[in-house]
Amino acid sequence: MTTTTHTATGTLLETAGITKRFGSLTAVDDVDLGLGRGIVGVLGPNGAGKTTLLRILATVLAPDRGSLSLLGLDPASPTARTEVRRRLGYLPQSPRLYTGFTPLEMVDYVAILKEHTDAAWRRREAAAVLEAVGLGDRMHKRIRTLSGGMQQRVALASALVGSPDLLVLDEPATGLDPEQRIALRSVLAETAHRGCVVLSTHNTAEVAALCQHVLVMDRGRICWSGTPAALAGEAEGRVWESDVEEPTALRSWLTGPGTRRHVGTPPAGASPAVPTVDDGYLLVTRLAR
């Protein structure tokens, strides 16, 4: 069954039945989307198809079937694809940086690839996005000398260059400490005022704090779509805690205080717990299988 997802702010990104296969594996299966301004989080287990979907949205891959419109343009056309890429920022799951460059040189190089020809503008823009990600004091250091978290921020700054209208980020908070994660939220919220941010993550707390809309993927399909509050609400009345494991629960785990938390159909007499985005996600993905 195809799930059609529309956000409420007008369409900047639209897909119709996009499918991508690798041999016998269907990584993305008949996905329909219509996304506008704001931040959309993509949740799903490993192997769900999140990275393949984001690579299609970033024009790195072309779908085998279906249609794709980005910023009102069809990236199947070489001319339109070039224009989309000028207005697109992409952070892959494992970004490749030229470690002999400085952060300033790296971001400037990405701006050149986007065909920004004004050298003075590129330098100002590169410095500005590096300041935005907290690397203003490191922009002249060699990338190889920076920590993993700092290198991740160089890659994020490269994605932000040119104020993109569409920002596609695969696990953007990887390697960032809590203070850097908060700074990332601020940068992405600023971008979302003017365009569409699509990010994949395994961190449901990030989704709850940052995203206006959530997509849950499993086995290449969008199996759920809505707000973070609505995802938590899927588990209303279906979460409880006890001192013992409940074999009939869909999912059970041991909490920090030592009690067991369960998701599923509570037994008679169980006291319901307040559901979280984690609970809703676990319930949705279990029921989708």
C-alpha atoms as a PDB file:
ATOM      1  CA  MET A   1       0.000   0.000   0.000  1.00  0.00           C
ATOM      2  CA  THR A   2       1.375   3.433  -0.933  1.00  0.00           C
ATOM      3  CA  THR A   3       1.501   6.103   1.756  1.00  0.00           C
ATOM      4  CA  THR A   4       1.157   9.697   0.525  1.00  0.00           C
ATOM      5  CA  THR A   5       2.693  12.279   2.826  1.00  0.00           C
ATOM      6  CA  HIS A   6       1.993  16.010   2.587  1.00  0.00           C
ATOM      7  CA  THR A   7       3.225  18.728   4.926  1.00  0.00           C
ATOM      8  CA  ALA A   8       1.177  21.851   5.436  1.00  0.00           C
ATOM      9  CA  THR A   9       3.373  24.591   3.970  1.00  0.00           C
ATOM     10  CA  GLY A  10       3.223  24.140   0.206  1.00  0.00           C
ATOM     11  CA  THR A  11       5.241  21.724  -1.867  1.00  0.00           C
ATOM     12  CA  LEU A  12       8.984  22.123  -2.452  1.00  0.00           C
ATOM     13  CA  LEU A  13       9.715  18.424  -2.878  1.00  0.00           C
ATOM     14  CA  GLU A  14       7.385  15.913  -4.478  1.00  0.00           C
ATOM     15  CA  THR A  15       7.741  12.254  -5.364  1.00  0.00           C
ATOM     16  CA  ALA A  16       5.258   9.921  -7.036  1.00  0.00           C
ATOM     17  CA  GLY A  17       5.835   6.183  -6.785  1.00  0.00           C
ATOM     18  CA  ILE A  18       9.635   6.377  -6.667  1.00  0.00           C
ATOM     19  CA  THR A  19      11.298   2.981  -6.488  1.00  0.00           C
ATOM     20  CA  LYS A  20      14.977   2.004  -6.363  1.00  0.00           C
ATOM     21  CA  ARG A  21      16.331  -1.523  -6.604  1.00  0.00           C
ATOM     22  CA  PHE A  22      19.812  -2.960  -6.179  1.00  0.00           C
ATOM     23  CA  GLY A  23      19.683  -6.395  -7.760  1.00  0.00           C
ATOM     24  CA  SER A  24      16.953  -8.358  -5.980  1.00  0.00           C
ATOM     25  CA  LEU A  25      16.780  -5.825  -3.115  1.00  0.00           C
ATOM     26  CA  THR A  26      14.117  -3.113  -3.277  1.00  0.00           C
ATOM     27  CA  ALA A  27      15.635  -0.319  -1.165  1.00  0.00           C
ATOM     28  CA  VAL A  28      12.890   2.272  -1.822  1.00  0.00           C
ATOM     29  CA  ASP A  29       9.464   0.918  -2.688  1.00  0.00           C
ATOM     30  CA  ASP A  30       6.753   3.056  -4.320  1.00  0.00           C
ATOM     31  CA  VAL A  31       7.156   6.169  -2.128  1.00  0.00           C
ATOM     32  CA  ASP A  32       4.895   9.216  -2.528  1.00  0.00           C
ATOM     33  CA  LEU A  33       5.855  12.445  -0.764  1.00  0.00           C
ATOM     34  CA  GLY A  34       4.888  16.100  -0.837  1.00  0.00           C
ATOM     35  CA  LEU A  35       7.056  18.218   1.484  1.00  0.00           C
ATOM     36  CA  GLY A  36       7.167  21.965   2.059  1.00  0.00           C
ATOM     37  CA  ARG A  37       8.996  24.325   4.401  1.00  0.00           C
ATOM     38  CA  GLY A  38      10.077  22.957   7.757  1.00  0.00           C
ATOM     39  CA  ILE A  39      12.147  20.100   9.157  1.00  0.00           C
ATOM     40  CA  VAL A  40      11.168  16.532   8.316  1.00  0.00           C
ATOM     41  CA  GLY A  41      12.800  13.684  10.226  1.00  0.00           C
ATOM     42  CA  VAL A  42      13.116  10.212   8.715  1.00  0.00           C
ATOM     43  CA  LEU A  43      13.225   7.391  11.267  1.00  0.00           C
ATOM     44  CA  GLY A  44      13.673   3.705  10.607  1.00  0.00           C
ATOM     45  CA  PRO A  45      15.740   0.643  11.464  1.00  0.00           C
ATOM     46  CA  ASN A  46      19.034  -0.099   9.733  1.00  0.00           C
ATOM     47  CA  GLY A  47      18.345  -1.265   6.200  1.00  0.00           C
ATOM     48  CA  ALA A  48      14.971   0.494   6.018  1.00  0.00           C
ATOM     49  CA  GLY A  49      15.960   2.507   2.932  1.00  0.00           C
ATOM     50  CA  LYS A  50      16.551   5.898   4.576  1.00  0.00           C
ATOM     51  CA  THR A  51      19.958   6.564   3.042  1.00  0.00           C
ATOM     52  CA  THR A  52      18.833   5.460  -0.432  1.00  0.00           C
ATOM     53  CA  LEU A  53      15.783   7.736  -0.212  1.00  0.00           C
ATOM     54  CA  LEU A  54      17.938  10.694   0.831  1.00  0.00           C
ATOM     55  CA  ARG A  55      20.426  10.023  -1.965  1.00  0.00           C
ATOM     56  CA  ILE A  56      17.551  10.149  -4.448  1.00  0.00           C
ATOM     57  CA  LEU A  57      16.311  13.430  -2.946  1.00  0.00           C
ATOM     58  CA  ALA A  58      19.858  14.815  -3.194  1.00  0.00           C
ATOM     59  CA  THR A  59      20.062  13.817  -6.922  1.00  0.00           C
ATOM     60  CA  VAL A  60      22.958  11.428  -6.209  1.00  0.00           C
ATOM     61  CA  LEU A  61      20.804   8.517  -7.395  1.00  0.00           C
ATOM     62  CA  ALA A  62      18.006   8.450  -9.944  1.00  0.00           C
ATOM     63  CA  PRO A  63      14.938   6.339  -9.172  1.00  0.00           C
ATOM     64  CA  ASP A  64      14.337   3.278 -11.328  1.00  0.00           C
ATOM     65  CA  ARG A  65      10.643   4.129 -11.485  1.00  0.00           C
ATOM     66  CA  GLY A  66       8.405   7.025 -10.538  1.00  0.00           C
ATOM     67  CA  SER A  67       8.747  10.798 -10.799  1.00  0.00           C
ATOM     68  CA  LEU A  68      10.599  13.357  -8.708  1.00  0.00           C
ATOM     69  CA  SER A  69      10.169  17.139  -8.510  1.00  0.00           C
ATOM     70  CA  LEU A  70      12.605  19.247  -6.487  1.00  0.00           C
ATOM     71  CA  LEU A  71      11.996  22.972  -6.048  1.00  0.00           C
ATOM     72  CA  GLY A  72       9.559  22.802  -8.947  1.00  0.00           C
ATOM     73  CA  LEU A  73      12.153  21.252 -11.279  1.00  0.00           C
ATOM     74  CA  ASP A  74      12.565  17.771 -12.748  1.00  0.00           C
ATOM     75  CA  PRO A  75      16.105  16.513 -11.974  1.00  0.00           C
ATOM     76  CA  ALA A  76      15.794  13.940 -14.779  1.00  0.00           C
ATOM     77  CA  SER A  77      16.632  16.881 -17.074  1.00  0.00           C
ATOM     78  CA  PRO A  78      20.395  17.705 -16.970  1.00  0.00           C
ATOM     79  CA  THR A  79      19.736  21.456 -17.108  1.00  0.00           C
ATOM     80  CA  ALA A  80      17.146  21.299 -14.314  1.00  0.00           C
ATOM     81  CA  ARG A  81      19.386  19.008 -12.263  1.00  0.00           C
ATOM     82  CA  THR A  82      22.203  21.555 -12.415  1.00  0.00           C
ATOM     83  CA  GLU A  83      19.845  24.286 -11.191  1.00  0.00           C
ATOM     84  CA  VAL A  84      18.555  22.053  -8.375  1.00  0.00           C
ATOM     85  CA  ARG A  85      22.094  21.319  -7.213  1.00  0.00           C
ATOM     86  CA  ARG A  86      22.861  25.038  -6.978  1.00  0.00           C
ATOM     87  CA  ARG A  87      19.952  25.359  -4.529  1.00  0.00           C
ATOM     88  CA  LEU A  88      20.555  22.085  -2.694  1.00  0.00           C
ATOM     89  CA  GLY A  89      22.699  21.254   0.317  1.00  0.00           C
ATOM     90  CA  TYR A  90      23.610  17.615   0.992  1.00  0.00           C
ATOM     91  CA  LEU A  91      25.368  15.967   3.902  1.00  0.00           C
ATOM     92  CA  PRO A  92      25.969  12.257   3.212  1.00  0.00           C
ATOM     93  CA  GLN A  93      26.176   9.665   5.968  1.00  0.00           C
ATOM     94  CA  SER A  94      29.959   9.368   5.577  1.00  0.00           C
ATOM     95  CA  PRO A  95      31.136  12.711   4.164  1.00  0.00           C
ATOM     96  CA  ARG A  96      34.444  12.753   2.336  1.00  0.00           C
ATOM     97  CA  LEU A  97      36.606  15.758   3.042  1.00  0.00           C
ATOM     98  CA  TYR A  98      39.935  16.780   1.559  1.00  0.00           C
ATOM     99  CA  THR A  99      41.878  16.630   4.802  1.00  0.00           C
ATOM    100  CA  GLY A 100      44.786  18.645   3.410  1.00  0.00           C
ATOM    101  CA  PHE A 101      42.414  21.596   2.923  1.00  0.00           C
ATOM    102  CA  THR A 102      41.465  24.050   5.617  1.00  0.00           C
ATOM    103  CA  PRO A 103      37.740  24.301   6.455  1.00  0.00           C
ATOM    104  CA  LEU A 104      37.649  27.640   4.613  1.00  0.00           C
ATOM    105  CA  GLU A 105      39.192  26.092   1.500  1.00  0.00           C
ATOM    106  CA  MET A 106      36.850  23.090   1.678  1.00  0.00           C
ATOM    107  CA  VAL A 107      33.677  25.169   1.862  1.00  0.00           C
ATOM    108  CA  ASP A 108      34.971  27.534  -0.825  1.00  0.00           C
ATOM    109  CA  TYR A 109      35.603  24.516  -3.073  1.00  0.00           C
ATOM    110  CA  VAL A 110      32.006  23.312  -2.594  1.00  0.00           C
ATOM    111  CA  ALA A 111      30.805  26.816  -3.520  1.00  0.00           C
ATOM    112  CA  ILE A 112      32.861  26.599  -6.722  1.00  0.00           C
ATOM    113  CA  LEU A 113      31.214  23.252  -7.525  1.00  0.00           C
ATOM    114  CA  LYS A 114      27.854  25.027  -7.150  1.00  0.00           C
ATOM    115  CA  GLU A 115      29.130  27.474  -9.801  1.00  0.00           C
ATOM    116  CA  HIS A 116      29.366  30.547  -7.589  1.00  0.00           C
ATOM    117  CA  THR A 117      31.886  32.580  -9.578  1.00  0.00           C
ATOM    118  CA  ASP A 118      32.393  35.608  -7.300  1.00  0.00           C
ATOM    119  CA  ALA A 119      35.527  34.736  -5.311  1.00  0.00           C
ATOM    120  CA  ALA A 120      35.039  37.505  -2.746  1.00  0.00           C
ATOM    121  CA  TRP A 121      31.428  36.400  -2.126  1.00  0.00           C
ATOM    122  CA  ARG A 122      32.543  32.768  -1.751  1.00  0.00           C
ATOM    123  CA  ARG A 123      35.093  33.664   0.922  1.00  0.00           C
ATOM    124  CA  ARG A 124      32.568  35.721   2.864  1.00  0.00           C
ATOM    125  CA  GLU A 125      29.952  32.975   2.582  1.00  0.00           C
ATOM    126  CA  ALA A 126      32.398  30.236   3.602  1.00  0.00           C
ATOM    127  CA  ALA A 127      33.462  32.225   6.653  1.00  0.00           C
ATOM    128  CA  ALA A 128      29.831  32.902   7.581  1.00  0.00           C
ATOM    129  CA  VAL A 129      28.699  29.252   7.466  1.00  0.00           C
ATOM    130  CA  LEU A 130      31.787  28.144   9.389  1.00  0.00           C
ATOM    131  CA  GLU A 131      30.952  30.719  12.056  1.00  0.00           C
ATOM    132  CA  ALA A 132      27.388  29.381  12.098  1.00  0.00           C
ATOM    133  CA  VAL A 133      28.611  25.865  12.936  1.00  0.00           C
ATOM    134  CA  GLY A 134      31.084  27.107  15.566  1.00  0.00           C
ATOM    135  CA  LEU A 135      34.301  26.782  13.560  1.00  0.00           C
ATOM    136  CA  GLY A 136      35.176  30.436  13.131  1.00  0.00           C
ATOM    137  CA  ASP A 137      38.376  29.975  15.134  1.00  0.00           C
ATOM    138  CA  ARG A 138      39.412  26.829  13.243  1.00  0.00           C
ATOM    139  CA  MET A 139      38.724  27.802   9.646  1.00  0.00           C
ATOM    140  CA  HIS A 140      42.430  28.142   8.798  1.00  0.00           C
ATOM    141  CA  LYS A 141      43.538  24.846  10.405  1.00  0.00           C
ATOM    142  CA  ARG A 142      44.116  21.740   8.288  1.00  0.00           C
ATOM    143  CA  ILE A 143      41.081  19.462   8.395  1.00  0.00           C
ATOM    144  CA  ARG A 144      43.282  16.487   9.269  1.00  0.00           C
ATOM    145  CA  THR A 145      44.132  18.172  12.583  1.00  0.00           C
ATOM    146  CA  LEU A 146      40.471  18.555  13.637  1.00  0.00           C
ATOM    147  CA  SER A 147      38.469  16.159  15.790  1.00  0.00           C
ATOM    148  CA  GLY A 148      35.798  13.920  14.285  1.00  0.00           C
ATOM    149  CA  GLY A 149      33.036  16.201  15.558  1.00  0.00           C
ATOM    150  CA  MET A 150      34.719  19.245  14.036  1.00  0.00           C
ATOM    151  CA  GLN A 151      35.123  17.468  10.707  1.00  0.00           C
ATOM    152  CA  GLN A 152      31.403  16.652  10.786  1.00  0.00           C
ATOM    153  CA  ARG A 153      30.730  20.367  11.254  1.00  0.00           C
ATOM    154  CA  VAL A 154      32.958  21.204   8.267  1.00  0.00           C
ATOM    155  CA  ALA A 155      30.793  18.847   6.185  1.00  0.00           C
ATOM    156  CA  LEU A 156      27.647  20.502   7.543  1.00  0.00           C
ATOM    157  CA  ALA A 157      29.010  23.962   6.701  1.00  0.00           C
ATOM    158  CA  SER A 158      29.678  22.723   3.156  1.00  0.00           C
ATOM    159  CA  ALA A 159      26.033  21.666   2.903  1.00  0.00           C
ATOM    160  CA  LEU A 160      24.861  25.077   4.148  1.00  0.00           C
ATOM    161  CA  VAL A 161      26.843  27.183   1.686  1.00  0.00           C
ATOM    162  CA  GLY A 162      24.678  29.381  -0.523  1.00  0.00           C
ATOM    163  CA  SER A 163      21.580  29.323   1.740  1.00  0.00           C
ATOM    164  CA  PRO A 164      20.028  26.218   0.133  1.00  0.00           C
ATOM    165  CA  ASP A 165      16.276  25.976  -0.358  1.00  0.00           C
ATOM    166  CA  LEU A 166      16.485  22.194   0.106  1.00  0.00           C
ATOM    167  CA  LEU A 167      18.781  20.636   2.695  1.00  0.00           C
ATOM    168  CA  VAL A 168      19.202  16.842   2.783  1.00  0.00           C
ATOM    169  CA  LEU A 169      21.120  15.534   5.792  1.00  0.00           C
ATOM    170  CA  ASP A 170      21.967  11.894   6.562  1.00  0.00           C
ATOM    171  CA  GLU A 171      22.663  11.492  10.305  1.00  0.00           C
ATOM    172  CA  PRO A 172      23.854  15.114  10.734  1.00  0.00           C
ATOM    173  CA  ALA A 173      24.423  14.892  14.513  1.00  0.00           C
ATOM    174  CA  THR A 174      26.904  11.996  14.311  1.00  0.00           C
ATOM    175  CA  GLY A 175      29.966  12.784  16.422  1.00  0.00           C
ATOM    176  CA  LEU A 176      28.552  15.995  17.899  1.00  0.00           C
ATOM    177  CA  ASP A 177      28.524  16.621  21.644  1.00  0.00           C
ATOM    178  CA  PRO A 178      25.360  17.905  23.398  1.00  0.00           C
ATOM    179  CA  GLU A 179      26.320  21.580  23.049  1.00  0.00           C
ATOM    180  CA  GLN A 180      27.063  21.119  19.342  1.00  0.00           C
ATOM    181  CA  ARG A 181      23.724  19.312  18.861  1.00  0.00           C
ATOM    182  CA  ILE A 182      21.912  22.323  20.313  1.00  0.00           C
ATOM    183  CA  ALA A 183      23.827  24.615  17.957  1.00  0.00           C
ATOM    184  CA  LEU A 184      22.887  22.322  15.052  1.00  0.00           C
ATOM    185  CA  ARG A 185      19.197  22.647  15.946  1.00  0.00           C
ATOM    186  CA  SER A 186      19.479  26.426  15.772  1.00  0.00           C
ATOM    187  CA  VAL A 187      21.185  26.354  12.356  1.00  0.00           C
ATOM    188  CA  LEU A 188      18.604  23.954  10.908  1.00  0.00           C
ATOM    189  CA  ALA A 189      15.672  25.897  12.350  1.00  0.00           C
ATOM    190  CA  GLU A 190      16.970  29.011  10.587  1.00  0.00           C
ATOM    191  CA  THR A 191      17.201  27.132   7.271  1.00  0.00           C
ATOM    192  CA  ALA A 192      13.690  25.703   7.712  1.00  0.00           C
ATOM    193  CA  HIS A 193      12.141  29.183   7.763  1.00  0.00           C
ATOM    194  CA  ARG A 194      12.863  29.571   4.059  1.00  0.00           C
ATOM    195  CA  GLY A 195      13.089  26.004   2.762  1.00  0.00           C
ATOM    196  CA  CYS A 196      12.781  22.284   3.365  1.00  0.00           C
ATOM    197  CA  VAL A 197      15.137  20.265   5.572  1.00  0.00           C
ATOM    198  CA  VAL A 198      14.992  16.470   5.333  1.00  0.00           C
ATOM    199  CA  LEU A 199      17.169  14.574   7.791  1.00  0.00           C
ATOM    200  CA  SER A 200      17.559  10.944   8.750  1.00  0.00           C
ATOM    201  CA  THR A 201      18.436   9.946  12.284  1.00  0.00           C
ATOM    202  CA  HIS A 202      18.258   7.120  14.797  1.00  0.00           C
ATOM    203  CA  ASN A 203      17.855   9.627  17.610  1.00  0.00           C
ATOM    204  CA  THR A 204      14.169  10.028  18.492  1.00  0.00           C
ATOM    205  CA  ALA A 205      15.029  12.764  21.006  1.00  0.00           C
ATOM    206  CA  GLU A 206      16.400  14.859  18.138  1.00  0.00           C
ATOM    207  CA  VAL A 207      13.196  14.292  16.192  1.00  0.00           C
ATOM    208  CA  ALA A 208      11.050  15.318  19.168  1.00  0.00           C
ATOM    209  CA  ALA A 209      13.113  18.480  19.744  1.00  0.00           C
ATOM    210  CA  LEU A 210      13.673  19.576  16.155  1.00  0.00           C
ATOM    211  CA  CYS A 211      11.218  18.224  13.593  1.00  0.00           C
ATOM    212  CA  GLN A 212       7.764  19.447  12.656  1.00  0.00           C
ATOM    213  CA  HIS A 213       7.044  16.257  10.733  1.00  0.00           C
ATOM    214  CA  VAL A 214       8.188  12.628  10.959  1.00  0.00           C
ATOM    215  CA  LEU A 215       8.339   9.835   8.408  1.00  0.00           C
ATOM    216  CA  VAL A 216       8.874   6.272   9.617  1.00  0.00           C
ATOM    217  CA  MET A 217      10.436   3.978   7.012  1.00  0.00           C
ATOM    218  CA  ASP A 218      10.589   0.207   7.078  1.00  0.00           C
ATOM    219  CA  ARG A 219      11.500  -2.180   4.269  1.00  0.00           C
ATOM    220  CA  GLY A 220      11.688   0.623   1.739  1.00  0.00           C
ATOM    221  CA  ARG A 221       8.234   2.075   2.429  1.00  0.00           C
ATOM    222  CA  ILE A 222       6.856   4.958   4.443  1.00  0.00           C
ATOM    223  CA  CYS A 223       4.813   3.094   7.041  1.00  0.00           C
ATOM    224  CA  TRP A 224       3.826   6.121   9.127  1.00  0.00           C
ATOM    225  CA  SER A 225       3.698   9.932   8.724  1.00  0.00           C
ATOM    226  CA  GLY A 226       2.737  12.731  11.105  1.00  0.00           C
ATOM    227  CA  THR A 227       3.991  15.033  13.857  1.00  0.00           C
ATOM    228  CA  PRO A 228       6.292  13.902  16.690  1.00  0.00           C
ATOM    229  CA  ALA A 229       3.390  14.364  19.142  1.00  0.00           C
ATOM    230  CA  ALA A 230       1.166  12.170  16.976  1.00  0.00           C
ATOM    231  CA  LEU A 231       3.867   9.487  16.833  1.00  0.00           C
ATOM    232  CA  ALA A 232       4.044   9.436  20.628  1.00  0.00           C
ATOM    233  CA  GLY A 233       0.247   9.367  20.668  1.00  0.00           C
ATOM    234  CA  GLU A 234       0.241   6.094  18.701  1.00  0.00           C
ATOM    235  CA  ALA A 235       1.376   4.425  21.932  1.00  0.00           C
ATOM    236  CA  GLU A 236      -1.260   6.059  24.162  1.00  0.00           C
ATOM    237  CA  GLY A 237      -2.651   3.371  26.488  1.00  0.00           C
ATOM    238  CA  ARG A 238      -0.179   0.814  25.147  1.00  0.00           C
ATOM    239  CA  VAL A 239       2.849   1.510  27.343  1.00  0.00           C
ATOM    240  CA  TRP A 240       3.289   0.282  30.893  1.00  0.00           C
ATOM    241  CA  GLU A 241       6.006  -0.497  33.403  1.00  0.00           C
ATOM    242  CA  SER A 242       6.377  -3.386  35.824  1.00  0.00           C
ATOM    243  CA  ASP A 243       8.996  -5.264  37.825  1.00  0.00           C
ATOM    244  CA  VAL A 244       8.930  -8.326  35.573  1.00  0.00           C
ATOM    245  CA  GLU A 245       9.243  -9.060  31.867  1.00  0.00           C
ATOM    246  CA  GLU A 246       5.942  -9.355  30.050  1.00  0.00           C
ATOM    247  CA  PRO A 247       6.161 -12.099  27.367  1.00  0.00           C
ATOM    248  CA  THR A 248       3.052 -10.886  25.529  1.00  0.00           C
ATOM    249  CA  ALA A 249       4.480  -7.390  24.934  1.00  0.00           C
ATOM    250  CA  LEU A 250       5.616  -6.426  21.443  1.00  0.00           C
ATOM    251  CA  ARG A 251       8.773  -4.956  22.961  1.00  0.00           C
ATOM    252  CA  SER A 252      10.185  -4.891  26.500  1.00  0.00           C
ATOM    253  CA  TRP A 253      13.366  -3.394  27.918  1.00  0.00           C
ATOM    254  CA  LEU A 254      15.038  -2.661  31.246  1.00  0.00           C
ATOM    255  CA  THR A 255      15.061   1.002  32.287  1.00  0.00           C
ATOM    256  CA  GLY A 256      17.722   2.859  34.251  1.00  0.00           C
ATOM    257  CA  PRO A 257      15.811   2.672  37.572  1.00  0.00           C
ATOM    258  CA  GLY A 258      15.514  -1.107  37.151  1.00  0.00           C
ATOM    259  CA  THR A 259      11.873  -1.475  36.105  1.00  0.00           C
ATOM    260  CA  ARG A 260      10.802  -2.969  32.789  1.00  0.00           C
ATOM    261  CA  ARG A 261       9.032  -0.860  30.199  1.00  0.00           C
ATOM    262  CA  HIS A 262       6.672  -2.582  27.773  1.00  0.00           C
ATOM    263  CA  VAL A 263       4.959  -1.637  24.519  1.00  0.00           C
ATOM    264  CA  GLY A 264       1.960  -3.595  23.283  1.00  0.00           C
ATOM    265  CA  THR A 265      -1.393  -4.597  24.737  1.00  0.00           C
ATOM    266  CA  PRO A 266      -1.218  -4.128  28.523  1.00  0.00           C
ATOM    267  CA  PRO A 267      -2.478  -6.912  30.765  1.00  0.00           C
ATOM    268  CA  ALA A 268      -5.378  -6.376  33.157  1.00  0.00           C
ATOM    269  CA  GLY A 269      -4.445  -4.152  36.080  1.00  0.00           C
ATOM    270  CA  ALA A 270      -1.388  -2.592  34.390  1.00  0.00           C
ATOM    271  CA  SER A 271      -0.840   1.103  35.025  1.00  0.00           C
ATOM    272  CA  PRO A 272      -0.302   2.958  31.724  1.00  0.00           C
ATOM    273  CA  ALA A 273       2.838   5.087  31.368  1.00  0.00           C
ATOM    274  CA  VAL A 274       3.132   8.390  29.527  1.00  0.00           C
ATOM    275  CA  PRO A 275       4.103   7.505  25.924  1.00  0.00           C
ATOM    276  CA  THR A 276       7.150   8.968  24.206  1.00  0.00           C
ATOM    277  CA  VAL A 277       8.258   9.259  20.581  1.00  0.00           C
ATOM    278  CA  ASP A 278      10.439   6.190  21.242  1.00  0.00           C
ATOM    279  CA  ASP A 279       7.377   4.186  22.296  1.00  0.00           C
ATOM    280  CA  GLY A 280       5.349   5.262  19.272  1.00  0.00           C
ATOM    281  CA  TYR A 281       8.224   4.464  16.918  1.00  0.00           C
ATOM    282  CA  LEU A 282       8.709   0.991  18.392  1.00  0.00           C
ATOM    283  CA  LEU A 283       5.005   0.259  18.187  1.00  0.00           C
ATOM    284  CA  VAL A 284       4.638   1.507  14.604  1.00  0.00           C
ATOM    285  CA  THR A 285       7.640  -0.442  13.308  1.00  0.00           C
ATOM    286  CA  ARG A 286       6.559  -3.659  15.062  1.00  0.00           C
ATOM    287  CA  LEU A 287       3.020  -3.434  13.684  1.00  0.00           C
ATOM    288  CA  ALA A 288       4.308  -2.678  10.170  1.00  0.00           C
ATOM    289  CA  ARG A 289       5.947  -6.105   9.939  1.00  0.00           C
END
